[in-house]
Amino acid sequence: MDAEIDAVRVAGTPQGPVPVVVLTVPGEEDVVPIFVGFEEARSIARGIDATDIGRPLTHDLLLDVMEELGGRIERVVVSEVTDDGTYIADLHVDTPRDAVIVDARPSDSMALAARTNAPLEIDDAVFEEGRQPPDDFEELEDIRALDEAA
């Protein structure tokens, strides 16, 4: 299924604030929330906004190295969710030698996809398992607001 990053927000939990990437699927009302780390959330938001901070951060560096070696991100697929709720992603990369699939965290994959406008997909079964009503996430604060307040 095609998917899009709808928002990068911060959810309040009993353990404290936790960033969440909200994925939408065209034609579906429900969303899939994927909880990530703060640095990864900020990196995804920077990629979406095409923010240049002057020096490459980790995701920028990885993308620069990949491109210098002739690679190109073809697409990202959120392909699996484990029994403990951990999401798995596949980073599809075209290289001069071959097309490869790299096992990656969804947060890293989405940060790279956001920088390259590579298509994002979610496996049907993963969507079904993770789907939640969008109302649960609409009122959460955008990650960018935390950075502006700091």
N, C-alpha and C. Protein backbone atom coordinates (compact mmCIF):
# COMPACT_ATOMS: atom_id res chain seq x y z
N MET A 1 0.84 -1.18 0.00
CA MET A 1 0.00 0.00 0.00
C MET A 1 0.89 1.24 0.00
N ASP A 2 0.53 2.22 -0.80
CA ASP A 2 1.24 3.49 -0.75
C ASP A 2 0.94 4.15 0.58
N ALA A 3 1.93 4.87 1.11
CA ALA A 3 1.76 5.56 2.39
C ALA A 3 2.44 6.92 2.31
N GLU A 4 2.09 7.78 3.25
CA GLU A 4 2.68 9.11 3.34
C GLU A 4 2.92 9.44 4.80
N ILE A 5 3.93 10.25 5.03
CA ILE A 5 4.15 10.78 6.38
C ILE A 5 3.21 11.96 6.54
N ASP A 6 2.22 11.79 7.41
CA ASP A 6 1.25 12.85 7.64
C ASP A 6 1.78 13.88 8.62
N ALA A 7 2.46 13.41 9.66
CA ALA A 7 2.93 14.32 10.70
C ALA A 7 4.02 13.65 11.52
N VAL A 8 4.82 14.49 12.16
CA VAL A 8 5.80 14.03 13.14
C VAL A 8 5.45 14.79 14.42
N ARG A 9 4.92 14.06 15.39
CA ARG A 9 4.36 14.68 16.58
C ARG A 9 4.98 14.11 17.85
N VAL A 10 4.55 14.63 18.98
CA VAL A 10 5.04 14.15 20.27
C VAL A 10 3.84 13.74 21.12
N ALA A 11 3.85 12.50 21.56
CA ALA A 11 2.77 11.96 22.39
C ALA A 11 3.21 11.95 23.85
N GLY A 12 2.31 12.31 24.73
CA GLY A 12 2.57 12.19 26.16
C GLY A 12 2.26 10.78 26.59
N THR A 13 3.19 10.15 27.26
CA THR A 13 2.98 8.80 27.77
C THR A 13 3.31 8.79 29.26
N PRO A 14 2.95 7.74 29.98
CA PRO A 14 3.31 7.67 31.40
C PRO A 14 4.82 7.75 31.62
N GLN A 15 5.60 7.34 30.62
CA GLN A 15 7.06 7.40 30.73
C GLN A 15 7.62 8.74 30.27
N GLY A 16 6.77 9.64 29.81
CA GLY A 16 7.20 10.95 29.32
C GLY A 16 6.88 11.11 27.85
N PRO A 17 7.33 12.22 27.26
CA PRO A 17 7.03 12.48 25.85
C PRO A 17 7.77 11.53 24.92
N VAL A 18 7.07 11.08 23.87
CA VAL A 18 7.64 10.16 22.89
C VAL A 18 7.24 10.64 21.49
N PRO A 19 8.22 10.83 20.60
CA PRO A 19 7.89 11.21 19.23
C PRO A 19 7.19 10.08 18.48
N VAL A 20 6.26 10.47 17.60
CA VAL A 20 5.52 9.51 16.82
C VAL A 20 5.38 10.04 15.39
N VAL A 21 5.68 9.17 14.43
CA VAL A 21 5.47 9.49 13.02
C VAL A 21 4.12 8.89 12.65
N VAL A 22 3.25 9.73 12.11
CA VAL A 22 1.90 9.29 11.75
C VAL A 22 1.86 9.05 10.25
N LEU A 23 1.63 7.79 9.87
CA LEU A 23 1.54 7.43 8.46
C LEU A 23 0.08 7.34 8.03
N THR A 24 -0.20 7.87 6.85
CA THR A 24 -1.53 7.74 6.27
C THR A 24 -1.43 6.91 5.00
N VAL A 25 -2.54 6.32 4.65
CA VAL A 25 -2.66 5.54 3.41
C VAL A 25 -3.83 6.14 2.63
N PRO A 26 -3.59 6.54 1.38
CA PRO A 26 -4.69 7.10 0.60
C PRO A 26 -5.89 6.14 0.56
N GLY A 27 -7.08 6.71 0.78
CA GLY A 27 -8.30 5.93 0.75
C GLY A 27 -8.66 5.27 2.07
N GLU A 28 -7.79 5.39 3.07
CA GLU A 28 -8.05 4.80 4.38
C GLU A 28 -8.21 5.91 5.41
N GLU A 29 -9.17 5.78 6.31
CA GLU A 29 -9.35 6.77 7.36
C GLU A 29 -8.32 6.62 8.48
N ASP A 30 -8.03 5.39 8.86
CA ASP A 30 -7.12 5.14 9.96
C ASP A 30 -5.68 5.49 9.58
N VAL A 31 -4.87 5.67 10.61
CA VAL A 31 -3.45 5.97 10.44
C VAL A 31 -2.63 4.89 11.16
N VAL A 32 -1.35 4.86 10.86
CA VAL A 32 -0.44 3.97 11.57
C VAL A 32 0.60 4.83 12.27
N PRO A 33 0.61 4.81 13.61
CA PRO A 33 1.63 5.55 14.34
C PRO A 33 2.88 4.68 14.54
N ILE A 34 4.03 5.27 14.30
CA ILE A 34 5.29 4.56 14.56
C ILE A 34 6.09 5.44 15.51
N PHE A 35 6.31 4.93 16.71
CA PHE A 35 7.05 5.68 17.73
C PHE A 35 8.54 5.56 17.46
N VAL A 36 9.23 6.71 17.51
CA VAL A 36 10.64 6.79 17.16
C VAL A 36 11.38 7.60 18.23
N GLY A 37 12.68 7.73 18.08
CA GLY A 37 13.47 8.55 18.98
C GLY A 37 13.39 10.03 18.61
N PHE A 38 13.79 10.90 19.54
CA PHE A 38 13.72 12.34 19.28
C PHE A 38 14.62 12.77 18.13
N GLU A 39 15.84 12.28 18.09
CA GLU A 39 16.75 12.69 17.01
C GLU A 39 16.25 12.22 15.65
N GLU A 40 15.72 11.01 15.61
CA GLU A 40 15.18 10.50 14.35
C GLU A 40 13.96 11.31 13.92
N ALA A 41 13.09 11.66 14.88
CA ALA A 41 11.91 12.46 14.57
C ALA A 41 12.32 13.82 14.02
N ARG A 42 13.30 14.45 14.65
CA ARG A 42 13.78 15.74 14.16
C ARG A 42 14.38 15.61 12.77
N SER A 43 15.08 14.52 12.53
CA SER A 43 15.69 14.31 11.22
C SER A 43 14.63 14.10 10.14
N ILE A 44 13.57 13.37 10.47
CA ILE A 44 12.48 13.18 9.51
C ILE A 44 11.84 14.53 9.20
N ALA A 45 11.56 15.33 10.22
CA ALA A 45 10.96 16.65 10.01
C ALA A 45 11.88 17.54 9.18
N ARG A 46 13.19 17.51 9.45
CA ARG A 46 14.14 18.29 8.64
C ARG A 46 14.11 17.86 7.19
N GLY A 47 14.01 16.55 6.96
CA GLY A 47 13.94 16.03 5.60
C GLY A 47 12.68 16.48 4.89
N ILE A 48 11.56 16.44 5.58
CA ILE A 48 10.28 16.87 4.99
C ILE A 48 10.36 18.36 4.63
N ASP A 49 10.95 19.14 5.54
CA ASP A 49 11.03 20.60 5.33
C ASP A 49 12.20 21.00 4.44
N ALA A 50 13.06 20.05 4.08
CA ALA A 50 14.27 20.34 3.30
C ALA A 50 15.13 21.39 4.00
N THR A 51 15.26 21.23 5.31
CA THR A 51 16.04 22.16 6.11
C THR A 51 17.52 21.83 6.01
N ASP A 52 18.31 22.83 5.64
CA ASP A 52 19.76 22.67 5.57
C ASP A 52 20.35 23.36 6.79
N ILE A 53 21.04 22.60 7.63
CA ILE A 53 21.61 23.20 8.83
C ILE A 53 23.10 23.48 8.68
N GLY A 54 23.61 23.36 7.46
CA GLY A 54 24.99 23.73 7.19
C GLY A 54 25.95 22.56 7.10
N ARG A 55 25.86 21.66 8.03
CA ARG A 55 26.73 20.49 8.02
C ARG A 55 25.86 19.24 8.01
N PRO A 56 26.32 18.20 7.33
CA PRO A 56 25.47 17.00 7.25
C PRO A 56 25.38 16.27 8.59
N LEU A 57 24.15 15.92 8.95
CA LEU A 57 23.94 15.05 10.09
C LEU A 57 23.97 13.61 9.59
N THR A 58 23.73 12.66 10.45
CA THR A 58 23.90 11.25 10.10
C THR A 58 23.13 10.83 8.85
N HIS A 59 21.85 11.18 8.77
CA HIS A 59 21.06 10.77 7.60
C HIS A 59 21.53 11.48 6.33
N ASP A 60 21.94 12.74 6.46
CA ASP A 60 22.47 13.47 5.31
C ASP A 60 23.77 12.82 4.84
N LEU A 61 24.61 12.47 5.80
CA LEU A 61 25.89 11.84 5.48
C LEU A 61 25.69 10.50 4.78
N LEU A 62 24.80 9.67 5.33
CA LEU A 62 24.54 8.38 4.71
C LEU A 62 24.05 8.55 3.28
N LEU A 63 23.15 9.48 3.08
CA LEU A 63 22.62 9.72 1.74
C LEU A 63 23.73 10.23 0.81
N ASP A 64 24.56 11.15 1.30
CA ASP A 64 25.68 11.66 0.49
C ASP A 64 26.62 10.54 0.07
N VAL A 65 26.97 9.67 1.01
CA VAL A 65 27.88 8.56 0.71
C VAL A 65 27.23 7.62 -0.31
N MET A 66 25.96 7.28 -0.07
CA MET A 66 25.25 6.39 -0.98
C MET A 66 25.25 6.96 -2.40
N GLU A 67 24.94 8.24 -2.52
CA GLU A 67 24.88 8.87 -3.84
C GLU A 67 26.26 8.98 -4.49
N GLU A 68 27.27 9.28 -3.70
CA GLU A 68 28.64 9.36 -4.24
C GLU A 68 29.11 8.01 -4.78
N LEU A 69 28.60 6.94 -4.19
CA LEU A 69 28.95 5.59 -4.65
C LEU A 69 28.01 5.10 -5.76
N GLY A 70 27.12 5.96 -6.20
CA GLY A 70 26.25 5.63 -7.33
C GLY A 70 24.92 5.02 -6.94
N GLY A 71 24.60 5.00 -5.66
CA GLY A 71 23.33 4.42 -5.21
C GLY A 71 22.21 5.44 -5.21
N ARG A 72 20.99 4.93 -5.26
CA ARG A 72 19.80 5.77 -5.24
C ARG A 72 18.71 5.02 -4.50
N ILE A 73 18.04 5.71 -3.59
CA ILE A 73 16.93 5.09 -2.86
C ILE A 73 15.75 5.01 -3.81
N GLU A 74 15.29 3.79 -4.01
CA GLU A 74 14.14 3.56 -4.90
C GLU A 74 12.83 3.71 -4.14
N ARG A 75 12.77 3.10 -2.94
CA ARG A 75 11.56 3.18 -2.13
C ARG A 75 11.84 2.64 -0.75
N VAL A 76 10.91 2.91 0.16
CA VAL A 76 10.96 2.41 1.53
C VAL A 76 9.66 1.64 1.77
N VAL A 77 9.78 0.46 2.37
CA VAL A 77 8.61 -0.34 2.68
C VAL A 77 8.63 -0.69 4.17
N VAL A 78 7.59 -0.27 4.89
CA VAL A 78 7.41 -0.73 6.28
C VAL A 78 6.80 -2.12 6.12
N SER A 79 7.64 -3.12 6.33
CA SER A 79 7.31 -4.47 5.87
C SER A 79 6.84 -5.45 6.93
N GLU A 80 7.09 -5.12 8.19
CA GLU A 80 6.79 -6.11 9.22
C GLU A 80 6.63 -5.40 10.56
N VAL A 81 5.87 -6.03 11.43
CA VAL A 81 5.80 -5.61 12.83
C VAL A 81 5.98 -6.88 13.65
N THR A 82 6.91 -6.83 14.60
CA THR A 82 7.22 -8.01 15.40
C THR A 82 6.18 -8.20 16.49
N ASP A 83 6.27 -9.32 17.18
CA ASP A 83 5.33 -9.63 18.27
C ASP A 83 5.36 -8.58 19.38
N ASP A 84 6.52 -7.93 19.56
CA ASP A 84 6.61 -6.91 20.62
C ASP A 84 6.28 -5.51 20.11
N GLY A 85 5.79 -5.40 18.86
CA GLY A 85 5.35 -4.11 18.33
C GLY A 85 6.44 -3.30 17.64
N THR A 86 7.58 -3.89 17.39
CA THR A 86 8.67 -3.19 16.70
C THR A 86 8.45 -3.27 15.19
N TYR A 87 8.48 -2.12 14.55
CA TYR A 87 8.31 -2.08 13.10
C TYR A 87 9.65 -2.31 12.41
N ILE A 88 9.59 -2.98 11.28
CA ILE A 88 10.77 -3.28 10.46
C ILE A 88 10.54 -2.64 9.09
N ALA A 89 11.59 -2.08 8.52
CA ALA A 89 11.47 -1.49 7.19
C ALA A 89 12.52 -2.07 6.26
N ASP A 90 12.21 -2.03 4.98
CA ASP A 90 13.15 -2.42 3.94
C ASP A 90 13.47 -1.19 3.12
N LEU A 91 14.74 -0.91 3.01
CA LEU A 91 15.22 0.21 2.21
C LEU A 91 15.66 -0.36 0.86
N HIS A 92 14.93 -0.03 -0.19
CA HIS A 92 15.23 -0.54 -1.53
C HIS A 92 16.17 0.47 -2.20
N VAL A 93 17.36 -0.02 -2.57
CA VAL A 93 18.40 0.85 -3.12
C VAL A 93 18.87 0.31 -4.46
N ASP A 94 18.90 1.18 -5.45
CA ASP A 94 19.52 0.83 -6.73
C ASP A 94 20.98 1.21 -6.65
N THR A 95 21.86 0.28 -7.01
CA THR A 95 23.29 0.55 -7.02
C THR A 95 23.82 0.28 -8.43
N PRO A 96 25.03 0.71 -8.72
CA PRO A 96 25.59 0.43 -10.05
C PRO A 96 25.70 -1.06 -10.36
N ARG A 97 25.81 -1.88 -9.33
CA ARG A 97 25.96 -3.33 -9.55
C ARG A 97 24.63 -4.06 -9.58
N ASP A 98 23.69 -3.63 -8.72
CA ASP A 98 22.46 -4.40 -8.56
C ASP A 98 21.47 -3.60 -7.72
N ALA A 99 20.24 -4.06 -7.68
CA ALA A 99 19.26 -3.52 -6.75
C ALA A 99 19.37 -4.33 -5.47
N VAL A 100 19.38 -3.65 -4.33
CA VAL A 100 19.52 -4.34 -3.05
C VAL A 100 18.42 -3.88 -2.10
N ILE A 101 18.13 -4.74 -1.14
CA ILE A 101 17.18 -4.41 -0.08
C ILE A 101 17.96 -4.46 1.23
N VAL A 102 17.92 -3.35 1.95
CA VAL A 102 18.65 -3.23 3.20
C VAL A 102 17.65 -3.20 4.34
N ASP A 103 17.83 -4.07 5.33
CA ASP A 103 17.01 -4.09 6.54
C ASP A 103 17.34 -2.82 7.33
N ALA A 104 16.32 -2.05 7.69
CA ALA A 104 16.57 -0.78 8.37
C ALA A 104 15.44 -0.45 9.33
N ARG A 105 15.74 0.43 10.26
CA ARG A 105 14.68 0.93 11.14
C ARG A 105 13.77 1.83 10.30
N PRO A 106 12.49 1.80 10.56
CA PRO A 106 11.59 2.70 9.83
C PRO A 106 11.98 4.17 9.99
N SER A 107 12.43 4.56 11.17
CA SER A 107 12.79 5.96 11.38
C SER A 107 13.93 6.38 10.47
N ASP A 108 14.96 5.57 10.35
CA ASP A 108 16.07 5.90 9.46
C ASP A 108 15.62 5.90 8.01
N SER A 109 14.83 4.91 7.65
CA SER A 109 14.34 4.81 6.28
C SER A 109 13.47 6.00 5.91
N MET A 110 12.59 6.41 6.83
CA MET A 110 11.72 7.56 6.55
C MET A 110 12.52 8.86 6.48
N ALA A 111 13.57 8.97 7.29
CA ALA A 111 14.41 10.16 7.22
C ALA A 111 15.10 10.26 5.85
N LEU A 112 15.53 9.12 5.31
CA LEU A 112 16.15 9.11 3.99
C LEU A 112 15.11 9.35 2.89
N ALA A 113 13.94 8.73 3.02
CA ALA A 113 12.88 8.92 2.03
C ALA A 113 12.44 10.38 1.99
N ALA A 114 12.36 11.01 3.15
CA ALA A 114 11.94 12.41 3.21
C ALA A 114 12.93 13.32 2.49
N ARG A 115 14.21 12.96 2.50
CA ARG A 115 15.23 13.77 1.84
C ARG A 115 15.26 13.56 0.32
N THR A 116 14.72 12.44 -0.14
CA THR A 116 14.83 12.10 -1.55
C THR A 116 13.47 12.05 -2.26
N ASN A 117 12.41 12.23 -1.50
CA ASN A 117 11.04 12.07 -2.03
C ASN A 117 10.81 10.67 -2.59
N ALA A 118 11.54 9.69 -2.05
CA ALA A 118 11.34 8.30 -2.45
C ALA A 118 9.97 7.84 -1.96
N PRO A 119 9.31 6.99 -2.73
CA PRO A 119 8.00 6.49 -2.31
C PRO A 119 8.08 5.69 -1.01
N LEU A 120 7.03 5.81 -0.23
CA LEU A 120 6.91 5.09 1.03
C LEU A 120 5.73 4.15 0.90
N GLU A 121 5.91 2.91 1.34
CA GLU A 121 4.85 1.91 1.29
C GLU A 121 4.75 1.23 2.64
N ILE A 122 3.58 0.65 2.90
CA ILE A 122 3.39 -0.16 4.10
C ILE A 122 2.69 -1.44 3.68
N ASP A 123 3.18 -2.54 4.17
CA ASP A 123 2.58 -3.84 3.87
C ASP A 123 1.13 -3.86 4.38
N ASP A 124 0.25 -4.48 3.62
CA ASP A 124 -1.17 -4.54 3.99
C ASP A 124 -1.37 -5.08 5.41
N ALA A 125 -0.70 -6.18 5.73
CA ALA A 125 -0.86 -6.80 7.05
C ALA A 125 -0.33 -5.89 8.16
N VAL A 126 0.73 -5.15 7.88
CA VAL A 126 1.29 -4.22 8.87
C VAL A 126 0.30 -3.08 9.11
N PHE A 127 -0.29 -2.59 8.02
CA PHE A 127 -1.31 -1.54 8.16
C PHE A 127 -2.46 -2.04 9.02
N GLU A 128 -2.96 -3.22 8.72
CA GLU A 128 -4.09 -3.77 9.46
C GLU A 128 -3.76 -3.94 10.94
N GLU A 129 -2.55 -4.37 11.23
CA GLU A 129 -2.18 -4.58 12.64
C GLU A 129 -1.97 -3.27 13.38
N GLY A 130 -1.45 -2.26 12.70
CA GLY A 130 -1.10 -1.02 13.38
C GLY A 130 -2.12 0.10 13.27
N ARG A 131 -3.15 -0.09 12.49
CA ARG A 131 -4.09 1.00 12.22
C ARG A 131 -4.79 1.47 13.49
N GLN A 132 -4.95 2.79 13.59
CA GLN A 132 -5.62 3.42 14.72
C GLN A 132 -6.41 4.62 14.21
N PRO A 133 -7.41 5.07 14.96
CA PRO A 133 -8.17 6.24 14.54
C PRO A 133 -7.29 7.49 14.52
N PRO A 134 -7.44 8.35 13.52
CA PRO A 134 -6.60 9.54 13.43
C PRO A 134 -6.83 10.53 14.57
N ASP A 135 -8.03 10.50 15.16
CA ASP A 135 -8.34 11.42 16.25
C ASP A 135 -7.35 11.30 17.41
N ASP A 136 -6.80 10.10 17.60
CA ASP A 136 -5.86 9.88 18.70
C ASP A 136 -4.57 10.66 18.53
N PHE A 137 -4.31 11.18 17.33
CA PHE A 137 -3.01 11.80 17.05
C PHE A 137 -3.10 13.23 16.53
N GLU A 138 -4.31 13.68 16.21
CA GLU A 138 -4.47 15.01 15.61
C GLU A 138 -4.13 16.15 16.56
N GLU A 139 -4.37 15.98 17.85
CA GLU A 139 -4.16 17.06 18.81
C GLU A 139 -2.74 17.07 19.40
N LEU A 140 -1.92 16.11 19.02
CA LEU A 140 -0.57 16.06 19.56
C LEU A 140 0.28 17.18 18.99
N GLU A 141 1.26 17.61 19.77
CA GLU A 141 2.12 18.72 19.37
C GLU A 141 3.12 18.28 18.29
N ASP A 142 3.32 19.12 17.31
CA ASP A 142 4.29 18.87 16.25
C ASP A 142 5.69 18.93 16.84
N ILE A 143 6.57 18.05 16.38
CA ILE A 143 7.95 18.00 16.88
C ILE A 143 8.66 19.34 16.67
N ARG A 144 8.31 20.05 15.62
CA ARG A 144 8.95 21.34 15.32
C ARG A 144 8.67 22.37 16.41
N ALA A 145 7.49 22.28 17.02
CA ALA A 145 7.13 23.22 18.08
C ALA A 145 8.05 23.06 19.28
N LEU A 146 8.48 21.85 19.57
CA LEU A 146 9.41 21.63 20.68
C LEU A 146 10.75 22.28 20.39
N ASP A 147 11.20 22.17 19.14
CA ASP A 147 12.48 22.77 18.76
C ASP A 147 12.41 24.30 18.82
N GLU A 148 11.27 24.87 18.44
CA GLU A 148 11.10 26.32 18.47
C GLU A 148 11.05 26.83 19.90
N ALA A 149 10.48 26.03 20.81
CA ALA A 149 10.35 26.44 22.20
C ALA A 149 11.68 26.35 22.95
N ALA A 150 12.59 25.54 22.44
CA ALA A 150 13.87 25.33 23.15
C ALA A 150 14.82 26.49 22.96
